[in-house]
Amino acid sequence: MIETERLKIRNFTFEDSKRCFESWGKDKDLGKYIILYPMSEVSQMESLVSSLEKNKHAWVLEEKKSGNIIGYITVDIPYDLLKVGELGYVIAEKYQHMGYAYEALTCMIKKYFYEEKLYLLEAKFNENNIASSKLLNKLGFQMEASLRGRRIDSYSGQRNNLIICSLTKDEVNF
């Protein structure tokens, strides 16, 4: 387990499923950016958590003060020899705009650059997700590409571009 000022960051267990579902699984706004959301049944979250608990690079974000699960972070490292990881994250709607994402991502960026010895982290987001754009920019990520029509708004069916950005270890400024 890793701790920050306000968070405990730990690997998933299947027992987290119901708490994750209640925390962000039903969040409607996530459906604008991630096709998986909102979930209608806890079994959908159980399936997701079942796969995440097998991944040593999938992390639950638990608020220290309340003990509530507020989101998660994943770091996929498809080719260890390249030392490149893909960062993903979800923060429950009621915990957004409170600095939790920045706090957690800062911690995990340091971990993966300095402990796991990665060279580069990349992140992808829906072009309409202004909050993610601002957050990644604040963390020092630079835009690399815009891929046409790679995301779908679950409600409108509208296709949006997928933005890819990255940060190298040498660019970290925190």
Protein backbone atom coordinates (compact mmCIF):
# COMPACT_ATOMS: atom_id res chain seq x y z
CA MET A 1 0.00 0.00 0.00
CA ILE A 2 1.05 3.56 -0.76
CA GLU A 3 -0.15 6.59 1.18
CA THR A 4 -0.45 10.26 0.33
CA GLU A 5 -1.69 13.04 2.56
CA ARG A 6 -5.37 12.14 2.01
CA LEU A 7 -5.32 8.77 0.25
CA LYS A 8 -4.49 5.13 0.67
CA ILE A 9 -3.56 3.63 -2.68
CA ARG A 10 -3.69 -0.16 -2.82
CA ASN A 11 -4.37 -3.04 -5.14
CA PHE A 12 -7.93 -4.20 -5.79
CA THR A 13 -9.67 -7.07 -4.02
CA PHE A 14 -12.91 -8.61 -5.23
CA GLU A 15 -14.54 -7.41 -2.01
CA ASP A 16 -14.17 -3.84 -3.36
CA SER A 17 -16.77 -4.49 -6.09
CA LYS A 18 -19.89 -3.23 -4.34
CA ARG A 19 -18.13 -0.17 -2.91
CA CYS A 20 -16.71 0.69 -6.35
CA PHE A 21 -20.15 0.28 -7.93
CA GLU A 22 -21.70 2.59 -5.34
CA SER A 23 -18.85 5.11 -5.60
CA TRP A 24 -18.52 5.58 -9.35
CA GLY A 25 -20.07 2.66 -11.21
CA LYS A 26 -23.40 4.45 -11.62
CA ASP A 27 -21.89 7.89 -12.38
CA LYS A 28 -23.75 9.24 -15.39
CA ASP A 29 -21.17 11.84 -16.47
CA LEU A 30 -18.52 9.15 -16.93
CA GLY A 31 -20.66 7.80 -19.78
CA LYS A 32 -19.85 10.92 -21.79
CA TYR A 33 -16.20 9.89 -21.84
CA ILE A 34 -15.96 6.14 -21.16
CA ILE A 35 -18.30 3.70 -22.95
CA LEU A 36 -18.40 1.30 -19.96
CA TYR A 37 -20.31 3.78 -17.78
CA PRO A 38 -22.76 4.13 -16.21
CA MET A 39 -23.19 0.56 -15.04
CA SER A 40 -26.69 -0.69 -14.31
CA GLU A 41 -25.80 -3.77 -12.23
CA VAL A 42 -23.21 -4.57 -9.60
CA SER A 43 -22.28 -7.69 -11.63
CA GLN A 44 -20.74 -5.38 -14.25
CA MET A 45 -18.44 -3.89 -11.60
CA GLU A 46 -17.70 -7.37 -10.25
CA SER A 47 -16.48 -8.34 -13.72
CA LEU A 48 -14.29 -5.23 -13.97
CA VAL A 49 -12.87 -5.62 -10.44
CA SER A 50 -12.23 -9.33 -11.07
CA SER A 51 -9.90 -8.40 -13.93
CA LEU A 52 -8.35 -5.46 -12.08
CA GLU A 53 -7.50 -7.51 -8.99
CA LYS A 54 -5.26 -9.71 -11.18
CA ASN A 55 -3.29 -6.65 -12.29
CA LYS A 56 -0.54 -5.55 -9.91
CA HIS A 57 -0.61 -2.15 -11.64
CA ALA A 58 -4.30 -1.46 -10.87
CA TRP A 59 -4.80 0.72 -7.81
CA VAL A 60 -7.86 1.57 -5.69
CA LEU A 61 -7.96 5.11 -4.29
CA GLU A 62 -9.36 5.15 -0.77
CA GLU A 63 -9.98 8.38 1.11
CA LYS A 64 -8.25 8.13 4.50
CA LYS A 65 -10.73 10.34 6.35
CA SER A 66 -13.90 8.46 5.39
CA GLY A 67 -12.57 5.11 4.18
CA ASN A 68 -14.58 5.59 0.97
CA ILE A 69 -13.28 4.30 -2.33
CA ILE A 70 -13.16 7.34 -4.60
CA GLY A 71 -11.65 5.98 -7.82
CA TYR A 72 -8.79 4.06 -9.33
CA ILE A 73 -5.62 4.29 -11.38
CA THR A 74 -4.17 1.74 -13.77
CA VAL A 75 -0.77 1.65 -15.40
CA ASP A 76 -0.52 -0.75 -18.32
CA ILE A 77 3.01 -1.69 -19.36
CA PRO A 78 2.56 -3.75 -22.54
CA TYR A 79 6.25 -4.05 -23.40
CA ASP A 80 8.55 -3.91 -20.40
CA LEU A 81 11.62 -3.52 -22.61
CA LEU A 82 10.33 -0.19 -23.93
CA LYS A 83 9.77 1.17 -20.40
CA VAL A 84 6.55 2.87 -21.51
CA GLY A 85 3.36 2.78 -19.48
CA GLU A 86 -0.19 3.85 -20.22
CA LEU A 87 -1.89 5.68 -17.38
CA GLY A 88 -5.64 5.46 -16.86
CA TYR A 89 -7.82 6.79 -14.06
CA VAL A 90 -11.38 7.31 -12.88
CA ILE A 91 -12.48 9.57 -10.03
CA ALA A 92 -16.05 9.35 -8.72
CA GLU A 93 -18.10 12.40 -9.67
CA LYS A 94 -18.65 13.48 -6.06
CA TYR A 95 -14.88 13.53 -5.46
CA GLN A 96 -13.92 15.43 -8.61
CA HIS A 97 -12.49 18.97 -8.48
CA MET A 98 -11.06 18.37 -5.00
CA GLY A 99 -7.44 17.69 -5.97
CA TYR A 100 -7.62 13.92 -5.41
CA ALA A 101 -6.72 13.05 -8.99
CA TYR A 102 -3.70 15.36 -8.95
CA GLU A 103 -2.57 14.00 -5.57
CA ALA A 104 -2.91 10.36 -6.64
CA LEU A 105 -1.42 10.79 -10.10
CA THR A 106 1.56 12.77 -8.80
CA CYS A 107 2.29 9.91 -6.41
CA MET A 108 1.92 7.21 -9.08
CA ILE A 109 3.95 9.11 -11.67
CA LYS A 110 6.82 9.29 -9.20
CA LYS A 111 6.43 5.59 -8.37
CA TYR A 112 6.51 4.48 -11.99
CA PHE A 113 9.35 6.73 -13.06
CA TYR A 114 11.61 6.25 -10.04
CA GLU A 115 10.73 2.79 -8.68
CA GLU A 116 9.58 1.00 -11.83
CA LYS A 117 12.16 2.87 -13.97
CA LEU A 118 9.76 3.77 -16.77
CA TYR A 119 10.97 6.20 -19.43
CA LEU A 120 7.57 7.53 -20.54
CA LEU A 121 3.96 7.54 -19.41
CA GLU A 122 1.17 8.17 -21.84
CA ALA A 123 -2.45 9.01 -21.14
CA LYS A 124 -5.50 9.03 -23.39
CA PHE A 125 -8.69 11.02 -22.97
CA ASN A 126 -11.84 12.03 -24.80
CA GLU A 127 -11.35 15.45 -26.38
CA ASN A 128 -14.50 16.72 -24.65
CA ASN A 129 -13.15 15.85 -21.21
CA ILE A 130 -11.82 19.31 -20.38
CA ALA A 131 -11.07 18.37 -16.74
CA SER A 132 -8.73 15.55 -17.82
CA SER A 133 -7.09 17.81 -20.37
CA LYS A 134 -6.38 20.45 -17.72
CA LEU A 135 -5.21 17.88 -15.17
CA LEU A 136 -2.77 16.19 -17.53
CA ASN A 137 -1.47 19.56 -18.70
CA LYS A 138 -0.91 20.59 -15.06
CA LEU A 139 1.05 17.36 -14.54
CA GLY A 140 3.28 18.26 -17.52
CA PHE A 141 1.89 15.90 -20.17
CA GLN A 142 2.24 17.06 -23.76
CA MET A 143 -0.23 16.33 -26.53
CA GLU A 144 1.07 13.92 -29.15
CA ALA A 145 -1.92 12.97 -31.30
CA SER A 146 -5.62 13.24 -31.89
CA LEU A 147 -7.22 10.05 -33.19
CA ARG A 148 -10.47 10.62 -35.06
CA GLY A 149 -13.72 9.14 -33.76
CA ARG A 150 -12.14 6.76 -31.23
CA ARG A 151 -14.55 7.57 -28.37
CA ILE A 152 -18.35 7.48 -28.15
CA ASP A 153 -20.64 9.41 -25.84
CA SER A 154 -22.88 6.70 -24.28
CA TYR A 155 -25.88 9.05 -24.29
CA SER A 156 -25.75 10.84 -27.61
CA GLY A 157 -23.88 8.21 -29.61
CA GLN A 158 -21.66 11.04 -30.87
CA ARG A 159 -18.13 10.07 -31.79
CA ASN A 160 -15.30 12.15 -30.38
CA ASN A 161 -11.57 12.22 -30.91
CA LEU A 162 -9.19 10.45 -28.57
CA ILE A 163 -6.29 12.61 -27.42
CA ILE A 164 -2.97 10.95 -26.63
CA CYS A 165 -0.42 12.79 -24.51
CA SER A 166 2.78 11.78 -22.78
CA LEU A 167 5.31 12.70 -20.12
CA THR A 168 8.92 11.54 -19.88
CA LYS A 169 10.84 11.12 -16.67
CA ASP A 170 13.05 14.09 -17.61
CA GLU A 171 9.98 16.35 -17.90
CA VAL A 172 8.66 15.74 -14.37
CA ASN A 173 8.65 19.04 -12.47
CA PHE A 174 7.21 18.11 -9.08
